[in-house]
């Protein structure tokens, strides 16, 4: 999707992202500013194209909404059917999550030397308008689930790279070596380069 075809709210977010990435290099400052921009984006639930809010009966969906031409960042919608969840995983890049519709729960983990994950801190409940940050510098490993058993939940994510192409890791509850994965997108086929 090109910038000119974007809904007004998303186009404003993309313009703000471009300006931030052209002027801010410190991740902690970037995170704060991107968090503010994301909070504005998810403050109203009237802009997401219905094509990017369709659940799958079995798997959560990750729809690409915008990819920066230089792959500095990507914006995606995560659509969670009732009870759907991720495995324990990392991102390897900074990210900001904004809750648009419904609710989701995120549980952070730390990974021991033997690969065994253990929860850290309390689970975080995201409700509409709330944001959360991820980054290797802050804590990058978590599992996320739809907090609602009877309705779809949708969150909007921005990542510091084209997240659908980035090699990441899934961690087993039993420990051991992580498994590499590339998430891709539900609406776009990623061709290996």
N, C-alpha and C. Protein backbone atom coordinates (compact mmCIF):
# COMPACT_ATOMS: atom_id res chain seq x y z
N UNK A 1 0.85 -1.17 0.00
CA UNK A 1 0.00 0.00 0.00
C UNK A 1 0.90 1.23 0.00
N UNK A 2 0.67 2.14 -0.91
CA UNK A 2 1.46 3.36 -0.98
C UNK A 2 0.92 4.39 -0.01
N UNK A 3 1.77 5.33 0.38
CA UNK A 3 1.43 6.35 1.35
C UNK A 3 0.20 7.15 0.93
N UNK A 4 0.03 7.41 -0.38
CA UNK A 4 -1.10 8.20 -0.86
C UNK A 4 -2.43 7.46 -0.73
N UNK A 5 -2.40 6.13 -0.63
CA UNK A 5 -3.62 5.32 -0.53
C UNK A 5 -4.05 5.06 0.91
N UNK A 6 -3.26 5.49 1.86
CA UNK A 6 -3.52 5.18 3.26
C UNK A 6 -4.69 5.98 3.81
N UNK A 7 -5.43 5.41 4.78
CA UNK A 7 -6.43 6.21 5.50
C UNK A 7 -5.74 7.42 6.15
N UNK A 8 -6.47 8.50 6.31
CA UNK A 8 -5.88 9.75 6.82
C UNK A 8 -5.12 9.53 8.12
N UNK A 9 -5.70 8.84 9.09
CA UNK A 9 -5.04 8.65 10.39
C UNK A 9 -3.73 7.88 10.23
N UNK A 10 -3.73 6.86 9.40
CA UNK A 10 -2.51 6.07 9.19
C UNK A 10 -1.48 6.89 8.41
N UNK A 11 -1.92 7.66 7.44
CA UNK A 11 -1.01 8.52 6.68
C UNK A 11 -0.34 9.53 7.61
N UNK A 12 -1.08 10.10 8.54
CA UNK A 12 -0.49 11.04 9.50
C UNK A 12 0.55 10.33 10.36
N UNK A 13 0.25 9.10 10.79
CA UNK A 13 1.20 8.32 11.58
C UNK A 13 2.47 8.05 10.78
N UNK A 14 2.32 7.63 9.53
CA UNK A 14 3.48 7.36 8.67
C UNK A 14 4.32 8.62 8.49
N UNK A 15 3.68 9.75 8.25
CA UNK A 15 4.41 11.01 8.10
C UNK A 15 5.18 11.35 9.38
N UNK A 16 4.54 11.11 10.52
CA UNK A 16 5.20 11.37 11.80
C UNK A 16 6.38 10.41 11.99
N UNK A 17 6.21 9.15 11.62
CA UNK A 17 7.30 8.17 11.71
C UNK A 17 8.47 8.60 10.84
N UNK A 18 8.20 9.00 9.61
CA UNK A 18 9.27 9.44 8.71
C UNK A 18 10.05 10.61 9.32
N UNK A 19 9.32 11.59 9.85
CA UNK A 19 9.98 12.76 10.46
C UNK A 19 10.82 12.33 11.66
N UNK A 20 10.28 11.45 12.51
CA UNK A 20 11.02 11.00 13.68
C UNK A 20 12.30 10.26 13.29
N UNK A 21 12.17 9.34 12.35
CA UNK A 21 13.34 8.54 11.97
C UNK A 21 14.39 9.36 11.23
N UNK A 22 13.98 10.49 10.67
CA UNK A 22 14.94 11.37 10.01
C UNK A 22 15.67 12.27 11.00
N UNK A 23 15.15 12.38 12.24
CA UNK A 23 15.75 13.33 13.19
C UNK A 23 16.18 12.71 14.52
N UNK A 24 15.67 11.55 14.89
CA UNK A 24 15.97 10.96 16.20
C UNK A 24 16.70 9.64 16.01
N UNK A 25 17.86 9.51 16.68
CA UNK A 25 18.59 8.25 16.59
C UNK A 25 18.64 7.50 17.92
N UNK A 26 18.43 8.19 19.03
CA UNK A 26 18.44 7.57 20.35
C UNK A 26 17.15 6.76 20.53
N UNK A 27 17.29 5.43 20.73
CA UNK A 27 16.12 4.56 20.80
C UNK A 27 15.16 4.94 21.92
N UNK A 28 15.67 5.34 23.07
CA UNK A 28 14.78 5.66 24.17
C UNK A 28 13.93 6.89 23.86
N UNK A 29 14.50 7.87 23.20
CA UNK A 29 13.73 9.05 22.79
C UNK A 29 12.77 8.68 21.66
N UNK A 30 13.26 7.88 20.73
CA UNK A 30 12.40 7.42 19.63
C UNK A 30 11.19 6.67 20.16
N UNK A 31 11.42 5.76 21.11
CA UNK A 31 10.34 4.98 21.71
C UNK A 31 9.26 5.89 22.30
N UNK A 32 9.68 6.90 23.04
CA UNK A 32 8.71 7.82 23.64
C UNK A 32 7.89 8.55 22.58
N UNK A 33 8.57 9.05 21.56
CA UNK A 33 7.88 9.78 20.50
C UNK A 33 6.99 8.88 19.65
N UNK A 34 7.47 7.69 19.33
CA UNK A 34 6.65 6.74 18.58
C UNK A 34 5.46 6.31 19.43
N UNK A 35 5.69 6.14 20.73
CA UNK A 35 4.58 5.81 21.64
C UNK A 35 3.50 6.88 21.62
N UNK A 36 3.90 8.15 21.63
CA UNK A 36 2.93 9.25 21.55
C UNK A 36 2.17 9.21 20.23
N UNK A 37 2.89 8.97 19.14
CA UNK A 37 2.24 8.91 17.82
C UNK A 37 1.27 7.73 17.75
N UNK A 38 1.69 6.58 18.33
CA UNK A 38 0.82 5.40 18.32
C UNK A 38 -0.43 5.66 19.16
N UNK A 39 -0.27 6.31 20.30
CA UNK A 39 -1.43 6.62 21.15
C UNK A 39 -2.45 7.46 20.39
N UNK A 40 -1.98 8.39 19.57
CA UNK A 40 -2.90 9.19 18.74
C UNK A 40 -3.59 8.31 17.70
N UNK A 41 -2.81 7.41 17.09
CA UNK A 41 -3.37 6.55 16.04
C UNK A 41 -4.49 5.65 16.56
N UNK A 42 -4.29 5.08 17.75
CA UNK A 42 -5.29 4.13 18.27
C UNK A 42 -6.34 4.80 19.15
N UNK A 43 -6.29 6.13 19.25
CA UNK A 43 -7.28 6.84 20.07
C UNK A 43 -8.68 6.74 19.47
N UNK A 44 -8.75 6.57 18.15
CA UNK A 44 -10.05 6.41 17.46
C UNK A 44 -10.03 5.13 16.65
N UNK A 45 -11.10 4.39 16.73
CA UNK A 45 -11.22 3.13 16.00
C UNK A 45 -12.18 3.34 14.81
N UNK A 46 -11.76 4.21 13.87
CA UNK A 46 -12.62 4.49 12.72
C UNK A 46 -11.86 4.51 11.41
N UNK A 47 -10.63 4.02 11.39
CA UNK A 47 -9.80 4.18 10.20
C UNK A 47 -9.30 2.87 9.59
N UNK A 48 -9.32 1.77 10.32
CA UNK A 48 -8.74 0.52 9.82
C UNK A 48 -9.64 -0.10 8.76
N UNK A 49 -9.07 -0.34 7.59
CA UNK A 49 -9.79 -0.98 6.49
C UNK A 49 -10.27 -2.36 6.96
N UNK A 50 -11.55 -2.68 6.74
CA UNK A 50 -12.06 -3.99 7.17
C UNK A 50 -11.28 -5.18 6.62
N UNK A 51 -10.61 -5.00 5.48
CA UNK A 51 -9.81 -6.08 4.90
C UNK A 51 -8.65 -6.46 5.82
N UNK A 52 -8.22 -5.53 6.68
CA UNK A 52 -7.10 -5.77 7.58
C UNK A 52 -7.55 -6.03 9.01
N UNK A 53 -8.82 -6.40 9.15
CA UNK A 53 -9.35 -6.71 10.48
C UNK A 53 -10.07 -8.06 10.50
N UNK A 54 -9.80 -8.87 9.48
CA UNK A 54 -10.47 -10.17 9.37
C UNK A 54 -9.76 -11.24 10.19
N UNK A 55 -10.46 -11.90 11.09
CA UNK A 55 -9.83 -12.98 11.86
C UNK A 55 -9.80 -14.26 11.05
N UNK A 56 -8.96 -15.18 11.48
CA UNK A 56 -8.90 -16.53 10.95
C UNK A 56 -9.44 -17.43 12.06
N UNK A 57 -10.19 -18.48 11.75
CA UNK A 57 -10.76 -19.30 12.83
C UNK A 57 -9.72 -20.01 13.69
N UNK A 58 -8.49 -20.18 13.19
CA UNK A 58 -7.50 -20.95 13.93
C UNK A 58 -6.27 -20.14 14.35
N UNK A 59 -5.83 -19.20 13.51
CA UNK A 59 -4.57 -18.50 13.75
C UNK A 59 -4.77 -16.99 13.80
N UNK A 60 -3.98 -16.32 14.66
CA UNK A 60 -4.00 -14.86 14.62
C UNK A 60 -3.44 -14.41 13.28
N UNK A 61 -3.83 -13.24 12.85
CA UNK A 61 -3.43 -12.71 11.55
C UNK A 61 -2.54 -11.48 11.75
N UNK A 62 -1.54 -11.34 10.91
CA UNK A 62 -0.63 -10.19 10.92
C UNK A 62 -0.69 -9.57 9.52
N UNK A 63 -1.43 -8.45 9.42
CA UNK A 63 -1.61 -7.78 8.13
C UNK A 63 -0.66 -6.59 8.00
N UNK A 64 0.08 -6.53 6.91
CA UNK A 64 0.93 -5.39 6.64
C UNK A 64 0.07 -4.21 6.23
N UNK A 65 0.19 -3.10 6.97
CA UNK A 65 -0.53 -1.87 6.64
C UNK A 65 0.37 -0.91 5.88
N UNK A 66 1.67 -0.89 6.23
CA UNK A 66 2.62 -0.01 5.57
C UNK A 66 4.03 -0.50 5.85
N UNK A 67 4.85 -0.52 4.80
CA UNK A 67 6.28 -0.83 4.94
C UNK A 67 7.06 0.34 4.38
N UNK A 68 7.93 0.90 5.19
CA UNK A 68 8.80 1.97 4.75
C UNK A 68 9.63 1.48 3.57
N UNK A 69 9.76 2.27 2.49
CA UNK A 69 10.52 1.82 1.32
C UNK A 69 11.96 1.44 1.65
N UNK A 70 12.54 2.06 2.68
CA UNK A 70 13.91 1.73 3.08
C UNK A 70 13.95 0.69 4.20
N UNK A 71 12.78 0.12 4.53
CA UNK A 71 12.64 -0.92 5.55
C UNK A 71 13.15 -0.46 6.92
N UNK A 72 13.00 0.84 7.22
CA UNK A 72 13.35 1.35 8.55
C UNK A 72 12.28 0.97 9.55
N UNK A 73 11.04 0.77 9.07
CA UNK A 73 9.94 0.40 9.96
C UNK A 73 8.81 -0.20 9.15
N UNK A 74 7.91 -0.87 9.86
CA UNK A 74 6.70 -1.42 9.26
C UNK A 74 5.56 -1.25 10.25
N UNK A 75 4.34 -1.13 9.71
CA UNK A 75 3.14 -0.97 10.52
C UNK A 75 2.21 -2.13 10.17
N UNK A 76 1.75 -2.84 11.20
CA UNK A 76 0.90 -4.01 10.96
C UNK A 76 -0.29 -4.00 11.91
N UNK A 77 -1.35 -4.67 11.48
CA UNK A 77 -2.47 -4.94 12.39
C UNK A 77 -2.40 -6.41 12.77
N UNK A 78 -2.55 -6.67 14.06
CA UNK A 78 -2.65 -8.03 14.56
C UNK A 78 -4.12 -8.27 14.90
N UNK A 79 -4.68 -9.30 14.32
CA UNK A 79 -6.09 -9.62 14.52
C UNK A 79 -6.16 -10.95 15.24
N UNK A 80 -6.75 -10.90 16.43
CA UNK A 80 -6.82 -12.06 17.32
C UNK A 80 -8.24 -12.57 17.39
N UNK A 81 -8.45 -13.81 16.95
CA UNK A 81 -9.73 -14.44 17.18
C UNK A 81 -9.86 -14.80 18.66
N UNK A 82 -11.06 -15.14 19.11
CA UNK A 82 -11.25 -15.50 20.52
C UNK A 82 -10.27 -16.59 20.95
N UNK A 83 -9.56 -16.32 22.05
CA UNK A 83 -8.65 -17.30 22.64
C UNK A 83 -7.34 -17.51 21.92
N UNK A 84 -7.07 -16.82 20.81
CA UNK A 84 -5.83 -17.05 20.08
C UNK A 84 -4.64 -16.42 20.80
N UNK A 85 -3.46 -17.03 20.59
CA UNK A 85 -2.26 -16.56 21.26
C UNK A 85 -1.02 -16.87 20.46
N UNK A 86 0.07 -16.18 20.81
CA UNK A 86 1.37 -16.44 20.19
C UNK A 86 2.14 -17.42 21.04
N UNK A 87 3.17 -18.04 20.46
CA UNK A 87 4.14 -18.73 21.31
C UNK A 87 5.03 -17.67 21.98
N UNK A 88 5.91 -18.08 22.86
CA UNK A 88 6.90 -17.17 23.43
C UNK A 88 7.88 -16.84 22.31
N UNK A 89 8.09 -15.55 22.07
CA UNK A 89 8.91 -15.13 20.93
C UNK A 89 9.63 -13.82 21.21
N UNK A 90 10.59 -13.49 20.35
CA UNK A 90 11.26 -12.20 20.43
C UNK A 90 11.01 -11.41 19.15
N UNK A 91 11.58 -10.20 19.08
CA UNK A 91 11.38 -9.32 17.93
C UNK A 91 12.70 -8.93 17.28
N UNK A 92 13.75 -8.79 18.05
CA UNK A 92 15.11 -8.40 17.65
C UNK A 92 15.22 -6.93 17.24
N UNK A 93 14.13 -6.20 17.21
CA UNK A 93 14.11 -4.77 16.89
C UNK A 93 13.15 -4.07 17.86
N UNK A 94 13.22 -2.74 17.94
CA UNK A 94 12.28 -1.99 18.78
C UNK A 94 10.89 -2.08 18.18
N UNK A 95 9.90 -1.89 19.04
CA UNK A 95 8.52 -1.88 18.57
C UNK A 95 7.60 -1.17 19.55
N UNK A 96 6.48 -0.72 19.04
CA UNK A 96 5.43 -0.12 19.85
C UNK A 96 4.11 -0.76 19.44
N UNK A 97 3.34 -1.18 20.43
CA UNK A 97 2.04 -1.81 20.22
C UNK A 97 0.97 -0.88 20.76
N UNK A 98 -0.07 -0.66 19.97
CA UNK A 98 -1.21 0.13 20.41
C UNK A 98 -2.47 -0.69 20.28
N UNK A 99 -3.28 -0.70 21.32
CA UNK A 99 -4.51 -1.49 21.30
C UNK A 99 -5.62 -0.68 20.65
N UNK A 100 -6.21 -1.22 19.59
CA UNK A 100 -7.26 -0.54 18.85
C UNK A 100 -8.65 -1.01 19.27
N UNK A 101 -8.81 -2.33 19.41
CA UNK A 101 -10.15 -2.90 19.63
C UNK A 101 -10.02 -4.16 20.47
N UNK A 102 -10.87 -4.33 21.46
CA UNK A 102 -10.81 -5.52 22.31
C UNK A 102 -9.74 -5.38 23.37
N UNK A 103 -9.15 -6.50 23.76
CA UNK A 103 -8.12 -6.52 24.81
C UNK A 103 -7.13 -7.64 24.52
N UNK A 104 -5.86 -7.40 24.88
CA UNK A 104 -4.89 -8.48 24.82
C UNK A 104 -4.02 -8.45 26.06
N UNK A 105 -3.45 -9.61 26.35
CA UNK A 105 -2.59 -9.78 27.52
C UNK A 105 -1.21 -10.17 27.02
N UNK A 106 -0.20 -9.48 27.53
CA UNK A 106 1.19 -9.77 27.20
C UNK A 106 1.93 -10.18 28.47
N UNK A 107 2.66 -11.27 28.37
CA UNK A 107 3.49 -11.74 29.49
C UNK A 107 4.95 -11.74 29.03
N UNK A 108 5.79 -10.97 29.72
CA UNK A 108 7.22 -10.93 29.41
C UNK A 108 7.91 -12.15 30.00
N UNK A 109 9.02 -12.55 29.36
CA UNK A 109 9.82 -13.69 29.80
C UNK A 109 11.28 -13.33 29.76
N UNK A 110 12.05 -14.03 30.59
CA UNK A 110 13.50 -14.03 30.44
C UNK A 110 13.89 -15.46 30.11
N UNK A 111 14.97 -15.59 29.36
CA UNK A 111 15.40 -16.91 28.90
C UNK A 111 16.70 -17.25 29.60
N UNK A 112 16.72 -18.38 30.31
CA UNK A 112 17.91 -18.84 31.03
C UNK A 112 18.93 -19.40 30.02
N UNK A 113 20.13 -19.63 30.50
CA UNK A 113 21.21 -20.15 29.65
C UNK A 113 20.83 -21.48 28.98
N UNK A 114 19.99 -22.28 29.66
CA UNK A 114 19.58 -23.57 29.08
C UNK A 114 18.35 -23.42 28.16
N UNK A 115 17.95 -22.17 27.92
CA UNK A 115 16.82 -21.93 27.03
C UNK A 115 15.46 -21.96 27.71
N UNK A 116 15.44 -22.19 29.02
CA UNK A 116 14.17 -22.28 29.75
C UNK A 116 13.60 -20.87 29.96
N UNK A 117 12.37 -20.63 29.49
CA UNK A 117 11.76 -19.33 29.72
C UNK A 117 11.08 -19.27 31.08
N UNK A 118 11.18 -18.12 31.72
CA UNK A 118 10.44 -17.91 32.97
C UNK A 118 9.79 -16.53 32.93
N UNK A 119 8.53 -16.45 33.37
CA UNK A 119 7.82 -15.17 33.33
C UNK A 119 8.52 -14.13 34.21
N UNK A 120 8.51 -12.89 33.75
CA UNK A 120 9.04 -11.79 34.54
C UNK A 120 7.95 -10.74 34.71
N UNK A 121 7.74 -10.33 35.93
CA UNK A 121 6.73 -9.31 36.19
C UNK A 121 5.32 -9.82 36.00
N UNK A 122 4.39 -8.92 36.21
CA UNK A 122 2.98 -9.24 36.04
C UNK A 122 2.60 -9.20 34.55
N UNK A 123 1.62 -9.96 34.17
CA UNK A 123 1.08 -9.87 32.81
C UNK A 123 0.49 -8.47 32.62
N UNK A 124 0.59 -7.96 31.41
CA UNK A 124 0.13 -6.61 31.09
C UNK A 124 -1.15 -6.71 30.27
N UNK A 125 -2.21 -6.05 30.73
CA UNK A 125 -3.48 -6.01 30.00
C UNK A 125 -3.51 -4.72 29.18
N UNK A 126 -3.67 -4.88 27.87
CA UNK A 126 -3.82 -3.72 26.99
C UNK A 126 -5.29 -3.59 26.61
N UNK A 127 -5.81 -2.39 26.82
CA UNK A 127 -7.19 -2.06 26.46
C UNK A 127 -7.13 -0.95 25.40
N UNK A 128 -8.22 -0.66 24.71
CA UNK A 128 -8.17 0.33 23.63
C UNK A 128 -7.54 1.65 24.07
N UNK A 129 -6.62 2.12 23.21
CA UNK A 129 -5.92 3.36 23.45
C UNK A 129 -4.62 3.21 24.21
N UNK A 130 -4.37 2.05 24.82
CA UNK A 130 -3.14 1.83 25.60
C UNK A 130 -2.02 1.36 24.67
N UNK A 131 -0.78 1.62 25.08
CA UNK A 131 0.37 1.19 24.29
C UNK A 131 1.34 0.39 25.16
N UNK A 132 2.21 -0.37 24.48
CA UNK A 132 3.27 -1.13 25.13
C UNK A 132 4.51 -1.06 24.24
N UNK A 133 5.68 -1.17 24.85
CA UNK A 133 6.94 -1.09 24.13
C UNK A 133 7.66 -2.43 24.17
N UNK A 134 8.37 -2.75 23.08
CA UNK A 134 9.26 -3.91 23.05
C UNK A 134 10.58 -3.48 22.44
N UNK A 135 11.64 -4.12 22.87
CA UNK A 135 12.97 -3.82 22.35
C UNK A 135 13.97 -4.74 23.01
N UNK A 136 15.03 -5.12 22.29
CA UNK A 136 16.09 -5.88 22.95
C UNK A 136 16.66 -5.12 24.15
N UNK A 137 16.61 -3.79 24.12
CA UNK A 137 17.15 -2.99 25.24
C UNK A 137 16.21 -2.98 26.45
N UNK A 138 14.91 -3.24 26.24
CA UNK A 138 13.92 -3.16 27.32
C UNK A 138 13.46 -4.51 27.83
N UNK A 139 13.58 -5.50 27.01
CA UNK A 139 12.97 -6.80 27.26
C UNK A 139 12.19 -7.14 26.01
N UNK A 140 12.64 -8.14 25.32
CA UNK A 140 12.16 -8.39 23.97
C UNK A 140 11.42 -9.71 23.82
N UNK A 141 11.29 -10.46 24.89
CA UNK A 141 10.69 -11.79 24.79
C UNK A 141 9.35 -11.78 25.52
N UNK A 142 8.29 -12.18 24.80
CA UNK A 142 6.98 -12.24 25.44
C UNK A 142 6.07 -13.20 24.68
N UNK A 143 4.93 -13.46 25.28
CA UNK A 143 3.83 -14.19 24.63
C UNK A 143 2.61 -13.30 24.79
N UNK A 144 1.76 -13.30 23.76
CA UNK A 144 0.59 -12.43 23.74
C UNK A 144 -0.63 -13.27 23.42
N UNK A 145 -1.76 -12.88 24.04
CA UNK A 145 -3.01 -13.59 23.73
C UNK A 145 -4.19 -12.62 23.77
N UNK A 146 -5.22 -13.01 23.05
CA UNK A 146 -6.48 -12.28 23.11
C UNK A 146 -7.05 -12.50 24.51
N UNK A 147 -7.35 -11.43 25.20
CA UNK A 147 -7.89 -11.55 26.56
C UNK A 147 -9.36 -11.91 26.56
N UNK A 148 -9.98 -11.87 25.38
CA UNK A 148 -11.43 -12.09 25.29
C UNK A 148 -11.71 -13.43 24.62
N UNK A 149 -12.58 -14.21 25.23
CA UNK A 149 -12.93 -15.52 24.68
C UNK A 149 -14.14 -15.48 23.75
N UNK A 150 -14.74 -14.29 23.60
CA UNK A 150 -15.97 -14.23 22.82
C UNK A 150 -15.96 -13.15 21.75
N UNK A 151 -14.79 -12.52 21.49
CA UNK A 151 -14.75 -11.52 20.43
C UNK A 151 -13.34 -11.32 19.91
N UNK A 152 -13.25 -10.70 18.76
CA UNK A 152 -11.99 -10.39 18.11
C UNK A 152 -11.34 -9.19 18.81
N UNK A 153 -10.02 -9.22 18.90
CA UNK A 153 -9.25 -8.08 19.39
C UNK A 153 -8.24 -7.70 18.31
N UNK A 154 -7.97 -6.39 18.19
CA UNK A 154 -7.05 -5.91 17.16
C UNK A 154 -6.08 -4.91 17.79
N UNK A 155 -4.79 -5.15 17.55
CA UNK A 155 -3.75 -4.20 17.96
C UNK A 155 -2.96 -3.77 16.74
N UNK A 156 -2.42 -2.55 16.81
CA UNK A 156 -1.60 -2.00 15.74
C UNK A 156 -0.17 -1.96 16.26
N UNK A 157 0.76 -2.45 15.44
CA UNK A 157 2.16 -2.54 15.84
C UNK A 157 3.02 -1.77 14.83
N UNK A 158 4.05 -1.12 15.33
CA UNK A 158 5.09 -0.55 14.48
C UNK A 158 6.41 -1.12 14.98
N UNK A 159 7.25 -1.56 14.04
CA UNK A 159 8.54 -2.16 14.37
C UNK A 159 9.66 -1.46 13.65
N UNK A 160 10.84 -1.47 14.22
CA UNK A 160 12.02 -0.84 13.63
C UNK A 160 12.66 -1.70 12.56
N UNK A 161 11.92 -2.05 11.55
CA UNK A 161 12.36 -2.87 10.43
C UNK A 161 11.13 -3.50 9.79
N UNK A 162 11.33 -4.22 8.71
CA UNK A 162 10.22 -4.91 8.06
C UNK A 162 10.02 -6.24 8.79
N UNK A 163 9.17 -6.23 9.79
CA UNK A 163 9.03 -7.36 10.71
C UNK A 163 8.66 -8.66 10.01
N UNK A 164 7.99 -8.57 8.88
CA UNK A 164 7.62 -9.78 8.14
C UNK A 164 8.78 -10.47 7.47
N UNK A 165 9.95 -9.80 7.41
CA UNK A 165 11.15 -10.37 6.79
C UNK A 165 12.27 -10.66 7.78
N UNK A 166 12.10 -10.26 9.04
CA UNK A 166 13.18 -10.36 10.02
C UNK A 166 13.19 -11.74 10.68
N UNK A 167 14.39 -12.35 10.72
CA UNK A 167 14.53 -13.64 11.40
C UNK A 167 14.43 -13.41 12.90
N UNK A 168 13.48 -14.12 13.52
CA UNK A 168 13.27 -14.00 14.96
C UNK A 168 13.31 -15.39 15.58
N UNK A 169 12.88 -15.48 16.85
CA UNK A 169 13.01 -16.75 17.57
C UNK A 169 11.76 -17.07 18.38
N UNK A 170 11.44 -18.35 18.42
CA UNK A 170 10.39 -18.90 19.26
C UNK A 170 11.07 -19.75 20.32
N UNK A 171 10.58 -19.63 21.57
CA UNK A 171 11.18 -20.33 22.69
C UNK A 171 10.19 -21.35 23.24
N UNK A 172 10.66 -22.57 23.42
CA UNK A 172 9.83 -23.66 23.93
C UNK A 172 9.64 -23.52 25.44
N UNK A 173 8.46 -23.88 25.92
CA UNK A 173 8.19 -23.90 27.37
C UNK A 173 9.10 -24.91 28.08
N UNK A 174 9.63 -25.88 27.33
CA UNK A 174 10.50 -26.90 27.91
C UNK A 174 11.98 -26.52 27.85
N UNK A 175 12.30 -25.35 27.30
CA UNK A 175 13.69 -24.92 27.19
C UNK A 175 14.34 -25.48 25.94
N UNK A 176 15.65 -25.43 25.92
CA UNK A 176 16.41 -25.87 24.75
C UNK A 176 16.68 -24.72 23.81
N UNK A 177 17.20 -25.05 22.65
CA UNK A 177 17.54 -24.03 21.67
C UNK A 177 16.28 -23.38 21.09
N UNK A 178 16.34 -22.06 20.86
CA UNK A 178 15.20 -21.42 20.21
C UNK A 178 15.11 -21.86 18.76
N UNK A 179 13.92 -21.73 18.19
CA UNK A 179 13.70 -22.02 16.77
C UNK A 179 13.58 -20.70 16.02
N UNK A 180 14.29 -20.61 14.91
CA UNK A 180 14.20 -19.42 14.07
C UNK A 180 12.87 -19.42 13.33
N UNK A 181 12.33 -18.22 13.10
CA UNK A 181 11.16 -18.09 12.25
C UNK A 181 11.13 -16.71 11.62
N UNK A 182 10.45 -16.61 10.51
CA UNK A 182 10.16 -15.33 9.85
C UNK A 182 8.65 -15.29 9.72
N UNK A 183 8.04 -14.28 10.31
CA UNK A 183 6.57 -14.28 10.43
C UNK A 183 5.84 -14.07 9.12
N UNK A 184 6.39 -13.29 8.21
CA UNK A 184 5.65 -12.96 6.99
C UNK A 184 4.41 -12.15 7.34
N UNK A 185 3.48 -12.09 6.40
CA UNK A 185 2.23 -11.35 6.58
C UNK A 185 1.08 -12.19 6.07
N UNK A 186 -0.07 -12.00 6.65
CA UNK A 186 -1.26 -12.73 6.23
C UNK A 186 -1.78 -12.25 4.87
N UNK A 187 -1.45 -11.01 4.50
CA UNK A 187 -1.99 -10.44 3.26
C UNK A 187 -0.96 -10.29 2.15
N UNK A 188 0.30 -10.66 2.39
CA UNK A 188 1.35 -10.49 1.38
C UNK A 188 2.28 -11.68 1.45
N UNK A 189 2.62 -12.22 0.30
CA UNK A 189 3.60 -13.29 0.25
C UNK A 189 4.99 -12.67 0.22
N UNK A 190 5.85 -13.07 1.14
CA UNK A 190 7.22 -12.57 1.19
C UNK A 190 8.09 -13.51 0.37
N UNK A 191 8.78 -12.97 -0.61
CA UNK A 191 9.67 -13.76 -1.46
C UNK A 191 11.08 -13.61 -0.92
N UNK A 192 11.76 -14.75 -0.71
CA UNK A 192 13.13 -14.70 -0.22
C UNK A 192 14.03 -14.04 -1.25
N UNK A 193 14.99 -13.27 -0.72
CA UNK A 193 15.91 -12.58 -1.63
C UNK A 193 17.15 -13.39 -1.84
